[in-house]
Protein backbone atom coordinates (compact mmCIF):
# COMPACT_ATOMS: atom_id res chain seq x y z
CA MET A 1 22.10 87.94 32.30
CA ALA A 2 22.57 91.55 31.30
CA MET A 3 26.07 92.68 30.40
CA ILE A 4 27.17 95.97 31.90
CA HIS A 5 29.08 97.98 29.32
CA MET A 6 32.04 99.80 30.83
CA PRO A 7 34.69 101.93 29.18
CA ALA A 8 37.86 100.03 28.29
CA VAL A 9 39.88 102.13 30.74
CA ASP A 10 37.64 101.09 33.63
CA GLN A 11 37.82 97.45 32.58
CA ALA A 12 41.62 97.60 32.42
CA PHE A 13 41.77 99.30 35.83
CA LEU A 14 39.50 96.70 37.43
CA LEU A 15 41.50 93.88 35.84
CA LEU A 16 44.76 95.35 37.16
CA LEU A 17 43.21 95.80 40.60
CA ILE A 18 42.02 92.18 40.72
CA VAL A 19 45.38 90.86 39.49
CA PHE A 20 47.21 93.01 42.04
CA CYS A 21 45.03 91.76 44.91
CA LEU A 22 45.37 88.10 43.89
CA GLY A 23 49.12 88.49 43.42
CA THR A 24 49.47 90.10 46.84
CA CYS A 25 47.50 87.30 48.48
CA LEU A 26 49.60 84.66 46.70
CA VAL A 27 52.89 86.32 47.67
CA ARG A 28 51.74 86.62 51.28
CA ALA A 29 50.69 82.97 51.42
CA VAL A 30 54.04 81.81 50.01
CA TRP A 31 55.86 84.13 52.42
CA GLU A 32 53.96 82.68 55.40
CA LEU A 33 54.74 79.13 54.27
CA GLU A 34 58.43 79.95 53.92
CA GLN A 35 58.49 81.59 57.36
CA THR A 36 56.93 78.56 59.06
CA ARG A 37 59.23 76.19 57.16
CA THR A 38 62.29 78.23 58.19
CA ARG A 39 61.12 78.29 61.80
CA ARG A 40 60.56 74.52 61.74
CA ILE A 41 64.07 73.91 60.39
CA ALA A 42 65.63 76.36 62.88
CA SER A 43 64.04 74.63 65.89
CA PRO A 44 63.95 70.85 65.41
CA PRO A 45 61.24 68.95 67.28
CA ARG A 46 62.27 68.09 70.81
CA ARG A 47 62.37 64.49 71.94
CA GLY A 48 61.67 64.77 75.61
CA PRO A 49 59.40 63.69 78.42
CA THR A 50 56.43 65.41 76.71
CA GLU A 51 56.24 62.59 74.14
CA ARG A 52 54.40 59.46 75.26
CA SER A 53 54.55 56.05 73.60
């Protein structure tokens, strides 16, 4: 496998870009989980005629 030699500035920029994208995805995933958890707590499951035993 051939290594592509890049200037250190480009390597640092790409590394920051990758870290930023991964961090954004992680924050968004945690945010979505918190939103669904908050919604679930706010509206408890209904026990009504829709449930069958």
